């Protein structure tokens, strides 16, 4: 028996102790003021979409094979014209430096280390150019909001192309902002404003407070040259007039792969495929836009059946475990994206926390594949997964309306 050597590196110790994404979430909540944490952790209205998405993954039943050699497994894949060492990438997130001041630079550096794609949001807090510098040899994607002032969006497209971003995620699920009730209850605003409540909540977290006050001003870094306040830029980013003609314009401008993010039904998926986009991402924006929206994982088999196995369909929303990723690939997804899971890691420990998040998910992916006894992602099929159904009519009957969300 040997005693474990103590370490004075508290960050390293707390991250090593984290064995799941939920563990990282617990650390993140402890280290981050409530308003900033809830901005990440929360969703729209009653948060039913988010809860359903997570429940859909909990309800999968795996069907393993037997007597296959899985001493080595290959987790690599091709997505949107390039390689990825793992079947997931980092999703675009807005206002990322609010959660932890290393922000997108931590995400991009971790993505480079693990050879997975990193996606920068239009409303990111690190510029296109700085992300490119942090991940010069890796795969960078850019998520585009088509803004009311179209010239701003066109300028961002040109800058991303100049910085060798290889894929553009054209986002279509944000004509207006969703109702983020946690933010309203916390008195949280963008840009952040100090109140007695936020100051008191930050006092037990001096590390966050110090970083916030001593690092560069929080701003939408790729939009600083466009003018306007943060609030005006957010309002400008949500445009209810966006149409298919805008997609055509961006397609003509963008030299790389064009992927549409936020698709939520089969007919739209088919129409986009007919229009020649390079792929789609089934997403309900992490439950942050329309509550009670379709669950991407449940929609996935229908879309794949309609578009065929060769069309590139990715998905996000609800992923908290590597087994979720494996199940999505088995059901026909070519790739997945993580949002909150990445941000929990960021809040738990900056770049080191993002690395730990990726390590946890990668280990879970590999272990799940080995237990299913498949040695590559290509061997995963729908027969490996059954989608059970927690929310059936017998369970709902007689449950008061205000208690329904507890079923999720």
Protein backbone atom coordinates (compact mmCIF):
# COMPACT_ATOMS: atom_id res chain seq x y z
CA UNK A 1 0.00 0.00 0.00
CA UNK A 2 1.24 3.47 -0.89
CA UNK A 3 0.01 6.81 0.34
CA UNK A 4 -1.07 9.20 -2.38
CA UNK A 5 1.32 12.14 -2.45
CA UNK A 6 -0.40 15.42 -1.54
CA UNK A 7 -0.27 18.27 -4.02
CA UNK A 8 -0.46 22.01 -3.50
CA UNK A 9 -1.77 22.49 -7.04
CA UNK A 10 -5.40 22.90 -6.05
CA UNK A 11 -6.64 23.36 -9.61
CA UNK A 12 -4.98 20.16 -10.76
CA UNK A 13 -6.34 18.27 -7.78
CA UNK A 14 -9.93 19.38 -8.19
CA UNK A 15 -9.88 18.66 -11.93
CA UNK A 16 -8.35 15.22 -11.45
CA UNK A 17 -11.05 14.44 -8.91
CA UNK A 18 -13.74 15.26 -11.49
CA UNK A 19 -14.83 11.97 -13.11
CA UNK A 20 -17.92 13.20 -15.00
CA UNK A 21 -19.23 16.33 -16.66
CA UNK A 22 -21.65 16.60 -13.75
CA UNK A 23 -18.63 16.76 -11.42
CA UNK A 24 -17.26 19.64 -13.50
CA UNK A 25 -20.65 21.33 -13.27
CA UNK A 26 -20.54 21.07 -9.47
CA UNK A 27 -17.09 22.69 -9.40
CA UNK A 28 -18.20 25.35 -11.86
CA UNK A 29 -21.21 26.27 -9.76
CA UNK A 30 -19.04 26.57 -6.67
CA UNK A 31 -16.50 28.82 -8.37
CA UNK A 32 -18.75 31.08 -10.47
CA UNK A 33 -21.18 33.80 -9.38
CA UNK A 34 -24.82 32.77 -9.72
CA UNK A 35 -25.69 35.17 -12.53
CA UNK A 36 -22.82 34.03 -14.75
CA UNK A 37 -23.34 30.34 -13.92
CA UNK A 38 -27.08 30.49 -14.57
CA UNK A 39 -26.49 32.26 -17.88
CA UNK A 40 -24.70 29.08 -18.96
CA UNK A 41 -26.70 26.50 -17.07
CA UNK A 42 -30.16 27.86 -17.80
CA UNK A 43 -32.49 27.57 -20.75
CA UNK A 44 -35.69 29.20 -21.99
CA UNK A 45 -38.98 29.48 -20.10
CA UNK A 46 -39.56 26.31 -18.01
CA UNK A 47 -36.39 24.69 -19.44
CA UNK A 48 -38.43 21.72 -20.67
CA UNK A 49 -36.52 21.43 -23.98
CA UNK A 50 -33.20 21.09 -22.19
CA UNK A 51 -34.56 18.56 -19.69
CA UNK A 52 -36.17 16.50 -22.45
CA UNK A 53 -32.94 16.46 -24.45
CA UNK A 54 -31.00 15.12 -21.48
CA UNK A 55 -33.74 12.64 -20.64
CA UNK A 56 -33.71 11.32 -24.21
CA UNK A 57 -30.09 10.28 -23.73
CA UNK A 58 -30.83 8.75 -20.33
CA UNK A 59 -33.52 6.65 -21.99
CA UNK A 60 -31.26 4.90 -24.46
CA UNK A 61 -30.73 1.19 -24.15
CA UNK A 62 -27.54 -0.25 -25.66
CA UNK A 63 -27.28 -3.64 -27.35
CA UNK A 64 -23.65 -4.83 -27.28
CA UNK A 65 -22.12 -7.42 -29.57
CA UNK A 66 -19.84 -10.16 -28.24
CA UNK A 67 -16.46 -11.77 -28.92
CA UNK A 68 -15.01 -8.93 -31.00
CA UNK A 69 -11.44 -7.72 -30.62
CA UNK A 70 -11.65 -4.23 -29.13
CA UNK A 71 -8.14 -3.98 -27.71
CA UNK A 72 -7.87 -0.86 -29.86
CA UNK A 73 -10.68 1.48 -30.90
CA UNK A 74 -10.60 4.23 -33.51
CA UNK A 75 -12.55 7.34 -32.50
CA UNK A 76 -11.51 9.44 -35.50
CA UNK A 77 -13.86 10.59 -38.23
CA UNK A 78 -14.24 12.93 -41.19
CA UNK A 79 -16.67 15.84 -40.88
CA UNK A 80 -17.37 18.76 -43.18
CA UNK A 81 -14.37 18.07 -45.35
CA UNK A 82 -11.75 17.48 -42.69
CA UNK A 83 -10.56 15.18 -39.90
CA UNK A 84 -11.46 15.04 -36.22
CA UNK A 85 -9.76 12.77 -33.70
CA UNK A 86 -13.00 12.41 -31.74
CA UNK A 87 -16.65 12.44 -32.83
CA UNK A 88 -17.38 15.76 -31.13
CA UNK A 89 -16.29 19.36 -31.31
CA UNK A 90 -16.74 22.53 -29.27
CA UNK A 91 -19.96 24.35 -30.07
CA UNK A 92 -20.19 28.14 -30.48
CA UNK A 93 -21.06 29.96 -27.26
CA UNK A 94 -21.71 33.65 -26.76
CA UNK A 95 -20.19 35.88 -24.08
CA UNK A 96 -17.79 33.08 -23.13
CA UNK A 97 -15.31 35.19 -21.14
CA UNK A 98 -18.12 36.06 -18.75
CA UNK A 99 -17.97 32.50 -17.42
CA UNK A 100 -14.17 32.44 -17.10
CA UNK A 101 -11.81 35.03 -18.47
CA UNK A 102 -9.68 32.65 -20.57
CA UNK A 103 -12.80 32.23 -22.68
CA UNK A 104 -12.55 31.10 -26.28
CA UNK A 105 -8.76 31.03 -26.20
CA UNK A 106 -8.97 28.18 -23.68
CA UNK A 107 -11.46 26.35 -25.88
CA UNK A 108 -9.45 26.82 -29.05
CA UNK A 109 -6.19 25.72 -27.40
CA UNK A 110 -7.82 22.62 -25.89
CA UNK A 111 -9.42 21.77 -29.24
CA UNK A 112 -6.02 22.05 -30.91
CA UNK A 113 -4.46 19.74 -28.32
CA UNK A 114 -7.11 17.07 -28.83
CA UNK A 115 -7.41 17.60 -32.61
CA UNK A 116 -11.11 18.41 -32.66
CA UNK A 117 -12.92 21.37 -34.25
CA UNK A 118 -13.53 24.59 -32.36
CA UNK A 119 -16.38 26.91 -33.31
CA UNK A 120 -16.38 30.64 -32.56
CA UNK A 121 -19.68 32.47 -32.14
CA UNK A 122 -20.59 35.77 -33.78
CA UNK A 123 -21.23 36.89 -30.18
CA UNK A 124 -17.93 35.48 -28.94
CA UNK A 125 -15.65 37.48 -26.68
CA UNK A 126 -12.45 36.68 -28.59
CA UNK A 127 -11.86 37.89 -32.12
CA UNK A 128 -11.68 35.77 -35.24
CA UNK A 129 -8.03 36.70 -35.57
CA UNK A 130 -7.10 35.78 -31.99
CA UNK A 131 -8.80 32.39 -32.22
CA UNK A 132 -6.92 31.70 -35.43
CA UNK A 133 -3.66 32.57 -33.67
CA UNK A 134 -4.52 30.27 -30.74
CA UNK A 135 -5.38 27.36 -33.05
CA UNK A 136 -3.32 28.02 -36.21
CA UNK A 137 -3.03 24.41 -37.37
CA UNK A 138 -6.38 23.11 -36.13
CA UNK A 139 -9.87 23.26 -37.53
CA UNK A 140 -11.75 26.46 -36.75
CA UNK A 141 -15.44 26.92 -37.54
CA UNK A 142 -17.34 30.22 -37.43
CA UNK A 143 -20.97 30.47 -36.34
CA UNK A 144 -22.80 33.25 -38.17
CA UNK A 145 -25.82 35.27 -37.15
CA UNK A 146 -27.14 37.17 -40.14
CA UNK A 147 -27.58 40.55 -38.51
CA UNK A 148 -30.02 43.33 -39.30
CA UNK A 149 -27.13 45.27 -40.72
CA UNK A 150 -26.09 42.72 -43.33
CA UNK A 151 -22.78 44.46 -43.96
CA UNK A 152 -21.62 43.44 -40.46
CA UNK A 153 -22.30 39.78 -41.20
CA UNK A 154 -20.66 39.99 -44.60
CA UNK A 155 -17.58 41.51 -43.01
CA UNK A 156 -17.38 38.67 -40.50
CA UNK A 157 -17.63 36.10 -43.29
CA UNK A 158 -14.73 37.74 -45.10
CA UNK A 159 -12.59 37.90 -41.94
CA UNK A 160 -13.25 34.24 -41.09
CA UNK A 161 -12.29 33.19 -44.62
CA UNK A 162 -9.12 35.29 -44.46
CA UNK A 163 -8.18 33.57 -41.17
CA UNK A 164 -8.60 30.12 -42.75
CA UNK A 165 -11.73 29.08 -40.86
CA UNK A 166 -12.87 26.10 -42.92
CA UNK A 167 -16.58 25.79 -42.04
CA UNK A 168 -19.35 28.35 -41.57
CA UNK A 169 -22.33 27.49 -39.36
CA UNK A 170 -25.26 29.55 -40.64
CA UNK A 171 -27.64 29.77 -37.66
CA UNK A 172 -31.39 29.81 -38.30
CA UNK A 173 -33.15 29.40 -34.92
CA UNK A 174 -32.82 32.92 -33.48
CA UNK A 175 -35.31 35.34 -35.08
CA UNK A 176 -35.72 36.71 -31.55
CA UNK A 177 -34.10 35.85 -28.24
CA UNK A 178 -35.65 33.15 -26.07
CA UNK A 179 -37.06 33.95 -22.62
CA UNK A 180 -34.13 33.29 -20.27
CA UNK A 181 -36.02 33.49 -16.99
CA UNK A 182 -33.06 32.65 -14.75
CA UNK A 183 -31.28 35.72 -16.10
CA UNK A 184 -34.28 37.92 -15.39
CA UNK A 185 -34.68 36.57 -11.87
CA UNK A 186 -30.99 37.13 -11.20
CA UNK A 187 -31.25 40.69 -12.44
CA UNK A 188 -28.63 39.74 -15.00
CA UNK A 189 -28.17 41.97 -18.00
CA UNK A 190 -25.87 42.18 -20.98
CA UNK A 191 -23.61 44.04 -20.63
CA UNK A 192 -23.31 42.95 -16.96
CA UNK A 193 -24.23 45.60 -14.42
CA UNK A 194 -23.16 45.54 -10.81
CA UNK A 195 -25.87 45.39 -8.16
CA UNK A 196 -25.67 44.76 -4.43
CA UNK A 197 -26.81 41.20 -5.10
CA UNK A 198 -24.15 40.44 -7.70
CA UNK A 199 -21.42 41.95 -5.53
CA UNK A 200 -22.47 39.92 -2.48
CA UNK A 201 -22.66 36.74 -4.56
CA UNK A 202 -19.17 37.34 -5.94
CA UNK A 203 -17.51 38.00 -2.58
CA UNK A 204 -17.01 34.27 -1.74
CA UNK A 205 -15.43 33.84 -5.19
CA UNK A 206 -12.54 36.33 -5.13
CA UNK A 207 -10.68 34.52 -7.93
CA UNK A 208 -13.54 35.19 -10.37
CA UNK A 209 -13.93 38.76 -9.14
CA UNK A 210 -10.19 39.47 -9.51
CA UNK A 211 -10.06 38.04 -13.03
CA UNK A 212 -13.14 40.00 -14.05
CA UNK A 213 -11.66 43.32 -12.85
CA UNK A 214 -8.07 42.83 -14.05
CA UNK A 215 -8.54 41.38 -17.54
CA UNK A 216 -9.61 43.13 -20.76
CA UNK A 217 -13.13 44.51 -20.92
CA UNK A 218 -15.85 42.04 -21.76
CA UNK A 219 -17.03 42.70 -25.30
CA UNK A 220 -18.04 41.02 -28.53
CA UNK A 221 -14.49 40.97 -29.83
CA UNK A 222 -15.24 40.38 -33.52
CA UNK A 223 -17.76 43.24 -33.50
CA UNK A 224 -15.80 45.98 -31.75
CA UNK A 225 -15.17 47.83 -35.00
CA UNK A 226 -18.85 47.87 -35.99
CA UNK A 227 -19.99 50.39 -33.40
CA UNK A 228 -22.89 50.28 -30.97
CA UNK A 229 -23.23 49.11 -27.39
CA UNK A 230 -23.25 45.46 -26.40
CA UNK A 231 -27.02 45.61 -25.93
CA UNK A 232 -27.50 47.15 -29.37
CA UNK A 233 -25.31 44.49 -30.98
CA UNK A 234 -27.37 41.71 -29.39
CA UNK A 235 -30.59 43.33 -30.57
CA UNK A 236 -29.07 43.71 -34.03
CA UNK A 237 -28.02 40.04 -34.13
CA UNK A 238 -31.57 38.72 -33.75
CA UNK A 239 -33.30 39.40 -37.06
CA UNK A 240 -36.84 38.10 -37.72
CA UNK A 241 -36.55 39.00 -41.42
CA UNK A 242 -33.88 36.40 -42.26
CA UNK A 243 -34.91 34.22 -45.24
CA UNK A 244 -33.58 31.62 -47.68
CA UNK A 245 -32.29 34.44 -49.89
CA UNK A 246 -29.80 35.30 -47.14
CA UNK A 247 -28.54 31.73 -47.21
CA UNK A 248 -27.97 32.03 -50.95
CA UNK A 249 -26.01 35.26 -50.50
CA UNK A 250 -23.74 33.76 -47.84
CA UNK A 251 -23.21 30.65 -49.98
CA UNK A 252 -21.94 32.85 -52.80
CA UNK A 253 -19.55 34.64 -50.43
CA UNK A 254 -18.17 31.73 -48.42
CA UNK A 255 -15.38 29.62 -49.96
CA UNK A 256 -15.48 26.76 -47.44
CA UNK A 257 -18.09 24.32 -46.19
CA UNK A 258 -21.50 25.84 -45.43
CA UNK A 259 -23.54 24.12 -42.70
CA UNK A 260 -26.95 25.21 -41.43
CA UNK A 261 -27.34 25.09 -37.63
CA UNK A 262 -30.67 25.02 -35.81
CA UNK A 263 -32.68 22.74 -38.12
CA UNK A 264 -35.67 21.22 -36.30
CA UNK A 265 -37.82 19.27 -38.75
CA UNK A 266 -37.61 16.85 -41.67
CA UNK A 267 -39.04 19.08 -44.47
CA UNK A 268 -36.54 21.86 -43.77
CA UNK A 269 -33.73 19.32 -43.69
CA UNK A 270 -34.76 18.01 -47.11
CA UNK A 271 -35.07 21.52 -48.57
CA UNK A 272 -31.60 22.48 -47.36
CA UNK A 273 -30.12 19.32 -48.85
CA UNK A 274 -31.77 20.16 -52.17
CA UNK A 275 -30.28 23.66 -52.00
CA UNK A 276 -26.81 22.15 -51.79
CA UNK A 277 -25.64 22.98 -48.28
CA UNK A 278 -22.74 20.85 -47.10
CA UNK A 279 -24.43 19.67 -43.94
CA UNK A 280 -26.93 20.50 -41.21
CA UNK A 281 -26.84 20.55 -37.42
CA UNK A 282 -29.99 19.40 -35.66
CA UNK A 283 -30.22 21.74 -32.70
CA UNK A 284 -32.74 23.57 -30.56
CA UNK A 285 -30.01 25.93 -29.35
CA UNK A 286 -29.53 23.96 -26.15
CA UNK A 287 -33.15 24.64 -25.20
CA UNK A 288 -32.35 28.36 -25.01
CA UNK A 289 -34.74 29.55 -27.72
CA UNK A 290 -38.15 27.84 -28.18
CA UNK A 291 -39.09 25.78 -25.15
CA UNK A 292 -40.78 22.44 -25.94
CA UNK A 293 -38.92 22.37 -29.25
CA UNK A 294 -38.12 18.98 -30.84
CA UNK A 295 -35.36 16.96 -29.19
CA UNK A 296 -32.53 16.69 -31.76
CA UNK A 297 -31.59 13.13 -30.74
CA UNK A 298 -35.17 11.96 -31.25
CA UNK A 299 -35.45 13.81 -34.57
CA UNK A 300 -32.16 12.39 -35.84
CA UNK A 301 -33.34 9.00 -37.23
CA UNK A 302 -36.15 10.60 -39.26
CA UNK A 303 -33.81 13.14 -40.82
CA UNK A 304 -31.12 10.57 -41.63
CA UNK A 305 -33.75 8.32 -43.23
CA UNK A 306 -34.98 11.21 -45.38
CA UNK A 307 -31.56 12.49 -46.47
CA UNK A 308 -29.71 9.20 -46.74
CA UNK A 309 -26.55 7.94 -45.06
CA UNK A 310 -24.11 10.04 -47.10
CA UNK A 311 -25.48 13.47 -46.22
CA UNK A 312 -23.66 14.98 -43.22
CA UNK A 313 -26.03 15.43 -40.30
CA UNK A 314 -24.59 16.57 -36.97
CA UNK A 315 -26.40 17.37 -33.74
CA UNK A 316 -26.06 19.07 -30.37
CA UNK A 317 -28.15 19.68 -27.22
CA UNK A 318 -28.26 17.59 -24.08
CA UNK A 319 -24.88 15.84 -24.35
CA UNK A 320 -23.40 15.21 -20.90
CA UNK A 321 -21.66 11.84 -21.35
CA UNK A 322 -19.56 10.08 -23.95
CA UNK A 323 -22.27 7.41 -24.21
CA UNK A 324 -24.62 10.15 -25.48
CA UNK A 325 -22.15 10.82 -28.29
CA UNK A 326 -21.83 7.12 -29.16
CA UNK A 327 -25.62 6.77 -29.24
CA UNK A 328 -25.94 9.75 -31.58
CA UNK A 329 -23.36 8.30 -33.97
CA UNK A 330 -25.14 4.93 -33.87
CA UNK A 331 -28.42 6.61 -34.77
CA UNK A 332 -26.87 8.22 -37.84
CA UNK A 333 -25.19 11.46 -36.78
CA UNK A 334 -21.83 12.07 -38.41
CA UNK A 335 -20.71 14.32 -35.58
CA UNK A 336 -21.81 16.04 -32.37
CA UNK A 337 -21.10 19.32 -30.57
CA UNK A 338 -20.78 20.10 -26.87
CA UNK A 339 -21.75 23.48 -25.42
CA UNK A 340 -22.58 23.48 -21.72
CA UNK A 341 -20.22 20.58 -21.02
CA UNK A 342 -17.34 22.64 -22.42
CA UNK A 343 -18.38 25.71 -20.43
CA UNK A 344 -18.61 23.72 -17.19
CA UNK A 345 -15.01 22.69 -17.77
CA UNK A 346 -14.03 26.28 -18.54
CA UNK A 347 -15.62 27.57 -15.34
CA UNK A 348 -14.06 24.75 -13.34
CA UNK A 349 -10.50 25.50 -14.42
CA UNK A 350 -9.92 27.55 -17.57
CA UNK A 351 -8.01 25.78 -20.32
CA UNK A 352 -7.09 22.94 -17.97
CA UNK A 353 -10.78 22.48 -17.21
CA UNK A 354 -11.68 22.33 -20.90
CA UNK A 355 -8.95 19.75 -21.38
CA UNK A 356 -10.43 17.73 -18.52
CA UNK A 357 -13.89 17.95 -20.08
CA UNK A 358 -12.57 16.58 -23.38
CA UNK A 359 -10.58 13.86 -21.59
CA UNK A 360 -13.66 12.72 -19.65
CA UNK A 361 -15.84 12.54 -22.76
CA UNK A 362 -13.12 10.87 -24.83
CA UNK A 363 -12.57 8.21 -22.17
CA UNK A 364 -16.32 7.59 -21.96
CA UNK A 365 -16.59 7.32 -25.76
CA UNK A 366 -13.78 4.77 -25.91
CA UNK A 367 -15.08 2.73 -22.99
CA UNK A 368 -18.63 2.68 -24.39
CA UNK A 369 -17.36 1.55 -27.78
CA UNK A 370 -15.32 -1.23 -26.19
CA UNK A 371 -18.27 -2.41 -24.12
CA UNK A 372 -20.43 -2.39 -27.24
CA UNK A 373 -17.56 -4.32 -28.84
CA UNK A 374 -17.08 -2.07 -31.85
CA UNK A 375 -13.62 -0.96 -32.87
CA UNK A 376 -14.53 2.06 -35.02
CA UNK A 377 -17.32 4.59 -35.35
CA UNK A 378 -18.27 3.10 -38.72
CA UNK A 379 -19.26 -0.12 -36.97
CA UNK A 380 -21.94 1.64 -34.92
CA UNK A 381 -25.47 1.07 -36.29
CA UNK A 382 -29.03 1.86 -35.17
CA UNK A 383 -29.28 -1.74 -33.97
CA UNK A 384 -26.89 -0.87 -31.15
CA UNK A 385 -29.39 1.55 -29.59
CA UNK A 386 -33.05 1.47 -28.59
CA UNK A 387 -34.78 4.70 -27.66
CA UNK A 388 -37.00 4.05 -24.65
CA UNK A 389 -39.72 6.50 -23.69
CA UNK A 390 -39.95 7.89 -20.18
CA UNK A 391 -42.80 10.24 -21.04
CA UNK A 392 -45.64 7.91 -21.96
CA UNK A 393 -49.36 8.54 -21.68
CA UNK A 394 -49.78 6.32 -18.64
CA UNK A 395 -47.21 8.31 -16.73
CA UNK A 396 -48.65 11.68 -17.74
CA UNK A 397 -52.28 10.84 -17.02
CA UNK A 398 -53.34 12.38 -13.75
CA UNK A 399 -50.18 14.44 -13.25
CA UNK A 400 -50.95 18.13 -12.52
CA UNK A 401 -49.72 20.50 -15.23
CA UNK A 402 -47.34 22.31 -12.87
CA UNK A 403 -45.66 18.98 -12.03
CA UNK A 404 -45.14 17.71 -15.56
CA UNK A 405 -41.66 19.19 -15.84
CA UNK A 406 -40.57 17.07 -12.86
CA UNK A 407 -40.92 14.01 -15.09
CA UNK A 408 -37.84 15.14 -16.96
